[in-house]
């Protein structure tokens, strides 16, 4: 199992704790970038999403959710928003 895949699995586990939702989204995007052999830069969900969108522009569809996670990480629906990024990363890594 690759390091990127292990990071994605760890991100998925973080979804169980809503307080860790933003971190789960960050970890999932970092894992995806690493799987693509791209050095992650930035420390925001929006920043990493925009970097990943340089490879897959369809990820920009999730920009609004990324912005909410960055600004309001403690919202009740944070885990649901973060799951979007975990699922998107998983789908792209499976198709590599």
PDB file of N, CA and C in Angstrom:
ATOM      1  N   UNK A   1       0.847  -1.171   0.000  1.00  0.00           N
ATOM      2  CA  UNK A   1       0.000   0.000   0.000  1.00  0.00           C
ATOM      3  C   UNK A   1       0.898   1.241   0.000  1.00  0.00           C
ATOM      4  N   UNK A   2       0.592   2.209  -0.851  1.00  0.00           N
ATOM      5  CA  UNK A   2       1.415   3.409  -0.961  1.00  0.00           C
ATOM      6  C   UNK A   2       1.179   4.339   0.221  1.00  0.00           C
ATOM      7  N   UNK A   3       2.133   5.220   0.443  1.00  0.00           N
ATOM      8  CA  UNK A   3       2.013   6.209   1.519  1.00  0.00           C
ATOM      9  C   UNK A   3       0.802   7.107   1.290  1.00  0.00           C
ATOM     10  N   UNK A   4       0.553   7.486   0.051  1.00  0.00           N
ATOM     11  CA  UNK A   4      -0.600   8.339  -0.258  1.00  0.00           C
ATOM     12  C   UNK A   4      -1.909   7.629   0.092  1.00  0.00           C
ATOM     13  N   UNK A   5      -1.993   6.353  -0.241  1.00  0.00           N
ATOM     14  CA  UNK A   5      -3.203   5.596   0.072  1.00  0.00           C
ATOM     15  C   UNK A   5      -3.371   5.466   1.583  1.00  0.00           C
ATOM     16  N   UNK A   6      -2.304   5.214   2.305  1.00  0.00           N
ATOM     17  CA  UNK A   6      -2.375   5.128   3.765  1.00  0.00           C
ATOM     18  C   UNK A   6      -2.832   6.452   4.359  1.00  0.00           C
ATOM     19  N   UNK A   7      -2.365   7.554   3.794  1.00  0.00           N
ATOM     20  CA  UNK A   7      -2.788   8.878   4.259  1.00  0.00           C
ATOM     21  C   UNK A   7      -4.277   9.082   4.007  1.00  0.00           C
ATOM     22  N   UNK A   8      -4.749   8.598   2.884  1.00  0.00           N
ATOM     23  CA  UNK A   8      -6.166   8.717   2.573  1.00  0.00           C
ATOM     24  C   UNK A   8      -7.014   7.904   3.549  1.00  0.00           C
ATOM     25  N   UNK A   9      -6.571   6.711   3.881  1.00  0.00           N
ATOM     26  CA  UNK A   9      -7.281   5.871   4.849  1.00  0.00           C
ATOM     27  C   UNK A   9      -7.323   6.578   6.211  1.00  0.00           C
ATOM     28  N   UNK A  10      -6.221   7.194   6.600  1.00  0.00           N
ATOM     29  CA  UNK A  10      -6.180   7.933   7.864  1.00  0.00           C
ATOM     30  C   UNK A  10      -7.143   9.119   7.821  1.00  0.00           C
ATOM     31  N   UNK A  11      -7.203   9.803   6.689  1.00  0.00           N
ATOM     32  CA  UNK A  11      -8.126  10.932   6.536  1.00  0.00           C
ATOM     33  C   UNK A  11      -9.567  10.454   6.682  1.00  0.00           C
ATOM     34  N   UNK A  12      -9.850   9.316   6.114  1.00  0.00           N
ATOM     35  CA  UNK A  12     -11.202   8.758   6.201  1.00  0.00           C
ATOM     36  C   UNK A  12     -11.582   8.478   7.655  1.00  0.00           C
ATOM     37  N   UNK A  13     -10.635   7.997   8.440  1.00  0.00           N
ATOM     38  CA  UNK A  13     -10.892   7.731   9.858  1.00  0.00           C
ATOM     39  C   UNK A  13     -11.190   9.009  10.627  1.00  0.00           C
ATOM     40  N   UNK A  14     -10.563  10.111  10.218  1.00  0.00           N
ATOM     41  CA  UNK A  14     -10.783  11.390  10.899  1.00  0.00           C
ATOM     42  C   UNK A  14     -12.219  11.879  10.755  1.00  0.00           C
ATOM     43  N   UNK A  15     -12.917  11.413   9.748  1.00  0.00           N
ATOM     44  CA  UNK A  15     -14.294  11.851   9.532  1.00  0.00           C
ATOM     45  C   UNK A  15     -15.219  11.460  10.682  1.00  0.00           C
ATOM     46  N   UNK A  16     -14.823  10.475  11.465  1.00  0.00           N
ATOM     47  CA  UNK A  16     -15.637  10.040  12.602  1.00  0.00           C
ATOM     48  C   UNK A  16     -15.713  11.108  13.688  1.00  0.00           C
ATOM     49  N   UNK A  17     -14.756  12.029  13.699  1.00  0.00           N
ATOM     50  CA  UNK A  17     -14.723  13.104  14.685  1.00  0.00           C
ATOM     51  C   UNK A  17     -14.943  14.431  13.961  1.00  0.00           C
ATOM     52  N   UNK A  18     -16.146  15.014  14.081  1.00  0.00           N
ATOM     53  CA  UNK A  18     -16.437  16.258  13.358  1.00  0.00           C
ATOM     54  C   UNK A  18     -15.420  17.376  13.618  1.00  0.00           C
ATOM     55  N   UNK A  19     -14.796  17.369  14.771  1.00  0.00           N
ATOM     56  CA  UNK A  19     -13.796  18.389  15.078  1.00  0.00           C
ATOM     57  C   UNK A  19     -12.541  18.231  14.210  1.00  0.00           C
ATOM     58  N   UNK A  20     -12.362  17.061  13.604  1.00  0.00           N
ATOM     59  CA  UNK A  20     -11.202  16.783  12.761  1.00  0.00           C
ATOM     60  C   UNK A  20     -11.536  16.832  11.271  1.00  0.00           C
ATOM     61  N   UNK A  21     -12.730  17.300  10.948  1.00  0.00           N
ATOM     62  CA  UNK A  21     -13.193  17.273   9.559  1.00  0.00           C
ATOM     63  C   UNK A  21     -12.282  18.063   8.630  1.00  0.00           C
ATOM     64  N   UNK A  22     -11.911  19.270   9.009  1.00  0.00           N
ATOM     65  CA  UNK A  22     -11.043  20.084   8.149  1.00  0.00           C
ATOM     66  C   UNK A  22      -9.714  19.370   7.913  1.00  0.00           C
ATOM     67  N   UNK A  23      -9.157  18.788   8.968  1.00  0.00           N
ATOM     68  CA  UNK A  23      -7.904  18.045   8.838  1.00  0.00           C
ATOM     69  C   UNK A  23      -8.078  16.859   7.886  1.00  0.00           C
ATOM     70  N   UNK A  24      -9.222  16.196   7.933  1.00  0.00           N
ATOM     71  CA  UNK A  24      -9.487  15.081   7.024  1.00  0.00           C
ATOM     72  C   UNK A  24      -9.461  15.556   5.576  1.00  0.00           C
ATOM     73  N   UNK A  25     -10.085  16.691   5.302  1.00  0.00           N
ATOM     74  CA  UNK A  25     -10.092  17.236   3.940  1.00  0.00           C
ATOM     75  C   UNK A  25      -8.679  17.598   3.499  1.00  0.00           C
ATOM     76  N   UNK A  26      -7.920  18.236   4.381  1.00  0.00           N
ATOM     77  CA  UNK A  26      -6.536  18.592   4.061  1.00  0.00           C
ATOM     78  C   UNK A  26      -5.712  17.346   3.765  1.00  0.00           C
ATOM     79  N   UNK A  27      -5.832  16.345   4.615  1.00  0.00           N
ATOM     80  CA  UNK A  27      -5.064  15.111   4.432  1.00  0.00           C
ATOM     81  C   UNK A  27      -5.440  14.392   3.142  1.00  0.00           C
ATOM     82  N   UNK A  28      -6.724  14.394   2.814  1.00  0.00           N
ATOM     83  CA  UNK A  28      -7.169  13.735   1.586  1.00  0.00           C
ATOM     84  C   UNK A  28      -6.596  14.439   0.352  1.00  0.00           C
ATOM     85  N   UNK A  29      -6.633  15.752   0.347  1.00  0.00           N
ATOM     86  CA  UNK A  29      -6.086  16.492  -0.790  1.00  0.00           C
ATOM     87  C   UNK A  29      -4.572  16.330  -0.883  1.00  0.00           C
ATOM     88  N   UNK A  30      -3.898  16.329   0.251  1.00  0.00           N
ATOM     89  CA  UNK A  30      -2.445  16.102   0.237  1.00  0.00           C
ATOM     90  C   UNK A  30      -2.124  14.708  -0.309  1.00  0.00           C
ATOM     91  N   UNK A  31      -2.897  13.721   0.117  1.00  0.00           N
ATOM     92  CA  UNK A  31      -2.682  12.346  -0.366  1.00  0.00           C
ATOM     93  C   UNK A  31      -2.860  12.274  -1.877  1.00  0.00           C
ATOM     94  N   UNK A  32      -3.874  12.930  -2.384  1.00  0.00           N
ATOM     95  CA  UNK A  32      -4.112  12.926  -3.824  1.00  0.00           C
ATOM     96  C   UNK A  32      -2.948  13.577  -4.566  1.00  0.00           C
ATOM     97  N   UNK A  33      -2.499  14.711  -4.080  1.00  0.00           N
ATOM     98  CA  UNK A  33      -1.372  15.384  -4.724  1.00  0.00           C
ATOM     99  C   UNK A  33      -0.125  14.511  -4.687  1.00  0.00           C
ATOM    100  N   UNK A  34       0.126  13.884  -3.553  1.00  0.00           N
ATOM    101  CA  UNK A  34       1.294  13.012  -3.442  1.00  0.00           C
ATOM    102  C   UNK A  34       1.188  11.815  -4.395  1.00  0.00           C
ATOM    103  N   UNK A  35      -0.012  11.287  -4.559  1.00  0.00           N
ATOM    104  CA  UNK A  35      -0.204  10.176  -5.494  1.00  0.00           C
ATOM    105  C   UNK A  35       0.108  10.625  -6.921  1.00  0.00           C
ATOM    106  N   UNK A  36      -0.164  11.877  -7.207  1.00  0.00           N
ATOM    107  CA  UNK A  36       0.139  12.448  -8.519  1.00  0.00           C
ATOM    108  C   UNK A  36       1.590  12.921  -8.618  1.00  0.00           C
ATOM    109  N   UNK A  37       2.391  12.643  -7.589  1.00  0.00           N
ATOM    110  CA  UNK A  37       3.798  13.066  -7.523  1.00  0.00           C
ATOM    111  C   UNK A  37       3.948  14.583  -7.576  1.00  0.00           C
ATOM    112  N   UNK A  38       3.029  15.253  -6.900  1.00  0.00           N
ATOM    113  CA  UNK A  38       3.052  16.713  -6.800  1.00  0.00           C
ATOM    114  C   UNK A  38       3.264  17.069  -5.331  1.00  0.00           C
ATOM    115  N   UNK A  39       4.230  17.929  -5.065  1.00  0.00           N
ATOM    116  CA  UNK A  39       4.504  18.360  -3.695  1.00  0.00           C
ATOM    117  C   UNK A  39       3.393  19.308  -3.231  1.00  0.00           C
ATOM    118  N   UNK A  40       2.617  18.920  -2.209  1.00  0.00           N
ATOM    119  CA  UNK A  40       1.564  19.813  -1.720  1.00  0.00           C
ATOM    120  C   UNK A  40       2.160  21.112  -1.188  1.00  0.00           C
ATOM    121  N   UNK A  41       1.499  22.207  -1.530  1.00  0.00           N
ATOM    122  CA  UNK A  41       1.899  23.501  -0.996  1.00  0.00           C
ATOM    123  C   UNK A  41       0.644  24.171  -0.455  1.00  0.00           C
ATOM    124  N   UNK A  42       0.811  24.947   0.543  1.00  0.00           N
ATOM    125  CA  UNK A  42      -0.346  25.601   1.144  1.00  0.00           C
ATOM    126  C   UNK A  42      -0.852  24.842   2.350  1.00  0.00           C
ATOM    127  N   UNK A  43      -1.632  25.558   3.133  1.00  0.00           N
ATOM    128  CA  UNK A  43      -2.152  24.947   4.354  1.00  0.00           C
ATOM    129  C   UNK A  43      -3.652  25.165   4.515  1.00  0.00           C
ATOM    130  N   UNK A  44      -4.318  25.492   3.422  1.00  0.00           N
ATOM    131  CA  UNK A  44      -5.770  25.648   3.469  1.00  0.00           C
ATOM    132  C   UNK A  44      -6.414  24.639   2.523  1.00  0.00           C
ATOM    133  N   UNK A  45      -7.670  24.340   2.795  1.00  0.00           N
ATOM    134  CA  UNK A  45      -8.391  23.415   1.923  1.00  0.00           C
ATOM    135  C   UNK A  45      -8.525  24.033   0.538  1.00  0.00           C
ATOM    136  N   UNK A  46      -8.843  25.321   0.486  1.00  0.00           N
ATOM    137  CA  UNK A  46      -8.976  25.996  -0.807  1.00  0.00           C
ATOM    138  C   UNK A  46      -7.650  25.964  -1.564  1.00  0.00           C
ATOM    139  N   UNK A  47      -6.556  26.252  -0.879  1.00  0.00           N
ATOM    140  CA  UNK A  47      -5.247  26.261  -1.532  1.00  0.00           C
ATOM    141  C   UNK A  47      -4.871  24.915  -2.118  1.00  0.00           C
ATOM    142  N   UNK A  48      -5.070  23.857  -1.340  1.00  0.00           N
ATOM    143  CA  UNK A  48      -4.749  22.515  -1.841  1.00  0.00           C
ATOM    144  C   UNK A  48      -5.705  22.088  -2.945  1.00  0.00           C
ATOM    145  N   UNK A  49      -6.965  22.478  -2.808  1.00  0.00           N
ATOM    146  CA  UNK A  49      -7.934  22.155  -3.851  1.00  0.00           C
ATOM    147  C   UNK A  49      -7.545  22.832  -5.165  1.00  0.00           C
ATOM    148  N   UNK A  50      -7.182  24.098  -5.098  1.00  0.00           N
ATOM    149  CA  UNK A  50      -6.781  24.809  -6.311  1.00  0.00           C
ATOM    150  C   UNK A  50      -5.528  24.198  -6.918  1.00  0.00           C
ATOM    151  N   UNK A  51      -4.609  23.749  -6.071  1.00  0.00           N
ATOM    152  CA  UNK A  51      -3.412  23.095  -6.586  1.00  0.00           C
ATOM    153  C   UNK A  51      -3.787  21.782  -7.275  1.00  0.00           C
ATOM    154  N   UNK A  52      -4.664  21.001  -6.659  1.00  0.00           N
ATOM    155  CA  UNK A  52      -5.088  19.738  -7.272  1.00  0.00           C
ATOM    156  C   UNK A  52      -5.860  19.996  -8.563  1.00  0.00           C
ATOM    157  N   UNK A  53      -6.565  21.108  -8.623  1.00  0.00           N
ATOM    158  CA  UNK A  53      -7.337  21.440  -9.827  1.00  0.00           C
ATOM    159  C   UNK A  53      -6.434  21.781 -11.005  1.00  0.00           C
ATOM    160  N   UNK A  54      -5.159  22.036 -10.755  1.00  0.00           N
ATOM    161  CA  UNK A  54      -4.219  22.231 -11.853  1.00  0.00           C
ATOM    162  C   UNK A  54      -4.074  20.942 -12.658  1.00  0.00           C
ATOM    163  N   UNK A  55      -4.327  19.808 -12.012  1.00  0.00           N
ATOM    164  CA  UNK A  55      -4.284  18.501 -12.674  1.00  0.00           C
ATOM    165  C   UNK A  55      -5.678  18.047 -13.089  1.00  0.00           C
ATOM    166  N   UNK A  56      -6.669  18.300 -12.241  1.00  0.00           N
ATOM    167  CA  UNK A  56      -8.047  17.873 -12.520  1.00  0.00           C
ATOM    168  C   UNK A  56      -8.985  19.039 -12.221  1.00  0.00           C
ATOM    169  N   UNK A  57      -9.358  19.770 -13.257  1.00  0.00           N
ATOM    170  CA  UNK A  57     -10.169  20.979 -13.088  1.00  0.00           C
ATOM    171  C   UNK A  57     -11.556  20.706 -12.526  1.00  0.00           C
ATOM    172  N   UNK A  58     -12.040  19.485 -12.619  1.00  0.00           N
ATOM    173  CA  UNK A  58     -13.369  19.192 -12.092  1.00  0.00           C
ATOM    174  C   UNK A  58     -13.426  19.359 -10.576  1.00  0.00           C
ATOM    175  N   UNK A  59     -12.276  19.335  -9.927  1.00  0.00           N
ATOM    176  CA  UNK A  59     -12.243  19.519  -8.479  1.00  0.00           C
ATOM    177  C   UNK A  59     -12.706  20.915  -8.068  1.00  0.00           C
ATOM    178  N   UNK A  60     -12.627  21.869  -8.972  1.00  0.00           N
ATOM    179  CA  UNK A  60     -13.075  23.224  -8.649  1.00  0.00           C
ATOM    180  C   UNK A  60     -14.573  23.277  -8.346  1.00  0.00           C
ATOM    181  N   UNK A  61     -15.301  22.238  -8.709  1.00  0.00           N
ATOM    182  CA  UNK A  61     -16.724  22.166  -8.363  1.00  0.00           C
ATOM    183  C   UNK A  61     -16.925  22.186  -6.852  1.00  0.00           C
ATOM    184  N   UNK A  62     -15.893  21.846  -6.092  1.00  0.00           N
ATOM    185  CA  UNK A  62     -15.993  21.756  -4.636  1.00  0.00           C
ATOM    186  C   UNK A  62     -15.390  22.969  -3.926  1.00  0.00           C
ATOM    187  N   UNK A  63     -15.139  24.042  -4.661  1.00  0.00           N
ATOM    188  CA  UNK A  63     -14.491  25.215  -4.071  1.00  0.00           C
ATOM    189  C   UNK A  63     -15.331  25.833  -2.941  1.00  0.00           C
ATOM    190  N   UNK A  64     -16.635  25.901  -3.113  1.00  0.00           N
ATOM    191  CA  UNK A  64     -17.491  26.484  -2.075  1.00  0.00           C
ATOM    192  C   UNK A  64     -17.396  25.683  -0.772  1.00  0.00           C
ATOM    193  N   UNK A  65     -17.407  24.364  -0.872  1.00  0.00           N
ATOM    194  CA  UNK A  65     -17.289  23.531   0.329  1.00  0.00           C
ATOM    195  C   UNK A  65     -15.932  23.713   0.996  1.00  0.00           C
ATOM    196  N   UNK A  66     -14.896  23.845   0.171  1.00  0.00           N
ATOM    197  CA  UNK A  66     -13.551  24.075   0.719  1.00  0.00           C
ATOM    198  C   UNK A  66     -13.493  25.393   1.475  1.00  0.00           C
ATOM    199  N   UNK A  67     -14.096  26.425   0.917  1.00  0.00           N
ATOM    200  CA  UNK A  67     -14.095  27.734   1.565  1.00  0.00           C
ATOM    201  C   UNK A  67     -14.828  27.687   2.905  1.00  0.00           C
ATOM    202  N   UNK A  68     -15.935  26.962   2.955  1.00  0.00           N
ATOM    203  CA  UNK A  68     -16.674  26.843   4.213  1.00  0.00           C
ATOM    204  C   UNK A  68     -15.840  26.104   5.252  1.00  0.00           C
ATOM    205  N   UNK A  69     -15.187  25.028   4.852  1.00  0.00           N
ATOM    206  CA  UNK A  69     -14.343  24.283   5.797  1.00  0.00           C
ATOM    207  C   UNK A  69     -13.215  25.147   6.340  1.00  0.00           C
ATOM    208  N   UNK A  70     -12.625  25.975   5.483  1.00  0.00           N
ATOM    209  CA  UNK A  70     -11.551  26.849   5.947  1.00  0.00           C
ATOM    210  C   UNK A  70     -12.052  27.927   6.905  1.00  0.00           C
ATOM    211  N   UNK A  71     -13.204  28.484   6.617  1.00  0.00           N
ATOM    212  CA  UNK A  71     -13.718  29.591   7.431  1.00  0.00           C
ATOM    213  C   UNK A  71     -14.481  29.125   8.657  1.00  0.00           C
ATOM    214  N   UNK A  72     -15.202  28.011   8.538  1.00  0.00           N
ATOM    215  CA  UNK A  72     -16.075  27.557   9.623  1.00  0.00           C
ATOM    216  C   UNK A  72     -15.870  26.061   9.877  1.00  0.00           C
ATOM    217  N   UNK A  73     -14.707  25.671  10.370  1.00  0.00           N
ATOM    218  CA  UNK A  73     -14.412  24.235  10.527  1.00  0.00           C
ATOM    219  C   UNK A  73     -15.246  23.531  11.588  1.00  0.00           C
ATOM    220  N   UNK A  74     -15.910  24.292  12.455  1.00  0.00           N
ATOM    221  CA  UNK A  74     -16.667  23.675  13.544  1.00  0.00           C
ATOM    222  C   UNK A  74     -18.167  23.605  13.279  1.00  0.00           C
ATOM    223  N   UNK A  75     -18.579  23.848  12.060  1.00  0.00           N
ATOM    224  CA  UNK A  75     -19.999  23.770  11.723  1.00  0.00           C
ATOM    225  C   UNK A  75     -20.485  22.323  11.862  1.00  0.00           C
ATOM    226  N   UNK A  76     -21.767  22.146  12.182  1.00  0.00           N
ATOM    227  CA  UNK A  76     -22.301  20.781  12.359  1.00  0.00           C
ATOM    228  C   UNK A  76     -22.134  19.882  11.132  1.00  0.00           C
ATOM    229  N   UNK A  77     -22.116  20.465   9.947  1.00  0.00           N
ATOM    230  CA  UNK A  77     -21.998  19.650   8.737  1.00  0.00           C
ATOM    231  C   UNK A  77     -20.565  19.541   8.214  1.00  0.00           C
ATOM    232  N   UNK A  78     -19.594  19.893   9.028  1.00  0.00           N
ATOM    233  CA  UNK A  78     -18.190  19.884   8.588  1.00  0.00           C
ATOM    234  C   UNK A  78     -17.744  18.503   8.126  1.00  0.00           C
ATOM    235  N   UNK A  79     -18.148  17.461   8.828  1.00  0.00           N
ATOM    236  CA  UNK A  79     -17.728  16.100   8.442  1.00  0.00           C
ATOM    237  C   UNK A  79     -18.321  15.720   7.084  1.00  0.00           C
ATOM    238  N   UNK A  80     -19.557  16.134   6.828  1.00  0.00           N
ATOM    239  CA  UNK A  80     -20.166  15.860   5.526  1.00  0.00           C
ATOM    240  C   UNK A  80     -19.422  16.596   4.416  1.00  0.00           C
ATOM    241  N   UNK A  81     -19.030  17.825   4.691  1.00  0.00           N
ATOM    242  CA  UNK A  81     -18.270  18.596   3.695  1.00  0.00           C
ATOM    243  C   UNK A  81     -16.905  17.954   3.457  1.00  0.00           C
ATOM    244  N   UNK A  82     -16.241  17.553   4.518  1.00  0.00           N
ATOM    245  CA  UNK A  82     -14.914  16.945   4.387  1.00  0.00           C
ATOM    246  C   UNK A  82     -14.984  15.623   3.641  1.00  0.00           C
ATOM    247  N   UNK A  83     -16.070  14.893   3.821  1.00  0.00           N
ATOM    248  CA  UNK A  83     -16.240  13.612   3.130  1.00  0.00           C
ATOM    249  C   UNK A  83     -16.225  13.804   1.612  1.00  0.00           C
ATOM    250  N   UNK A  84     -16.656  14.945   1.150  1.00  0.00           N
ATOM    251  CA  UNK A  84     -16.619  15.251  -0.280  1.00  0.00           C
ATOM    252  C   UNK A  84     -15.184  15.135  -0.796  1.00  0.00           C
ATOM    253  N   UNK A  85     -14.238  15.650  -0.034  1.00  0.00           N
ATOM    254  CA  UNK A  85     -12.833  15.649  -0.456  1.00  0.00           C
ATOM    255  C   UNK A  85     -12.199  14.267  -0.318  1.00  0.00           C
ATOM    256  N   UNK A  86     -12.567  13.554   0.734  1.00  0.00           N
ATOM    257  CA  UNK A  86     -12.067  12.192   0.906  1.00  0.00           C
ATOM    258  C   UNK A  86     -12.577  11.310  -0.235  1.00  0.00           C
ATOM    259  N   UNK A  87     -13.857  11.434  -0.543  1.00  0.00           N
ATOM    260  CA  UNK A  87     -14.433  10.638  -1.631  1.00  0.00           C
ATOM    261  C   UNK A  87     -13.842  11.014  -2.984  1.00  0.00           C
ATOM    262  N   UNK A  88     -13.654  12.308  -3.209  1.00  0.00           N
ATOM    263  CA  UNK A  88     -13.083  12.761  -4.485  1.00  0.00           C
ATOM    264  C   UNK A  88     -11.652  12.253  -4.642  1.00  0.00           C
ATOM    265  N   UNK A  89     -10.874  12.314  -3.574  1.00  0.00           N
ATOM    266  CA  UNK A  89      -9.493  11.829  -3.641  1.00  0.00           C
ATOM    267  C   UNK A  89      -9.468  10.327  -3.897  1.00  0.00           C
ATOM    268  N   UNK A  90     -10.307   9.605  -3.176  1.00  0.00           N
ATOM    269  CA  UNK A  90     -10.364   8.141  -3.344  1.00  0.00           C
ATOM    270  C   UNK A  90     -10.744   7.785  -4.786  1.00  0.00           C
ATOM    271  N   UNK A  91     -11.736   8.441  -5.337  1.00  0.00           N
ATOM    272  CA  UNK A  91     -12.175   8.147  -6.699  1.00  0.00           C
ATOM    273  C   UNK A  91     -11.060   8.389  -7.702  1.00  0.00           C
ATOM    274  N   UNK A  92     -10.314   9.447  -7.529  1.00  0.00           N
ATOM    275  CA  UNK A  92      -9.242   9.744  -8.461  1.00  0.00           C
ATOM    276  C   UNK A  92      -8.057   8.803  -8.270  1.00  0.00           C
ATOM    277  N   UNK A  93      -7.783   8.418  -7.045  1.00  0.00           N
ATOM    278  CA  UNK A  93      -6.654   7.508  -6.804  1.00  0.00           C
ATOM    279  C   UNK A  93      -6.959   6.111  -7.331  1.00  0.00           C
ATOM    280  N   UNK A  94      -8.210   5.702  -7.263  1.00  0.00           N
ATOM    281  CA  UNK A  94      -8.589   4.397  -7.779  1.00  0.00           C
ATOM    282  C   UNK A  94      -8.453   4.359  -9.288  1.00  0.00           C
ATOM    283  N   UNK A  95      -8.680   5.490  -9.940  1.00  0.00           N
ATOM    284  CA  UNK A  95      -8.629   5.551 -11.407  1.00  0.00           C
ATOM    285  C   UNK A  95      -7.240   5.798 -11.967  1.00  0.00           C
ATOM    286  N   UNK A  96      -6.244   5.878 -11.109  1.00  0.00           N
ATOM    287  CA  UNK A  96      -4.875   6.122 -11.589  1.00  0.00           C
ATOM    288  C   UNK A  96      -4.287   4.837 -12.112  1.00  0.00           C
TER     289      UNK A  96
END
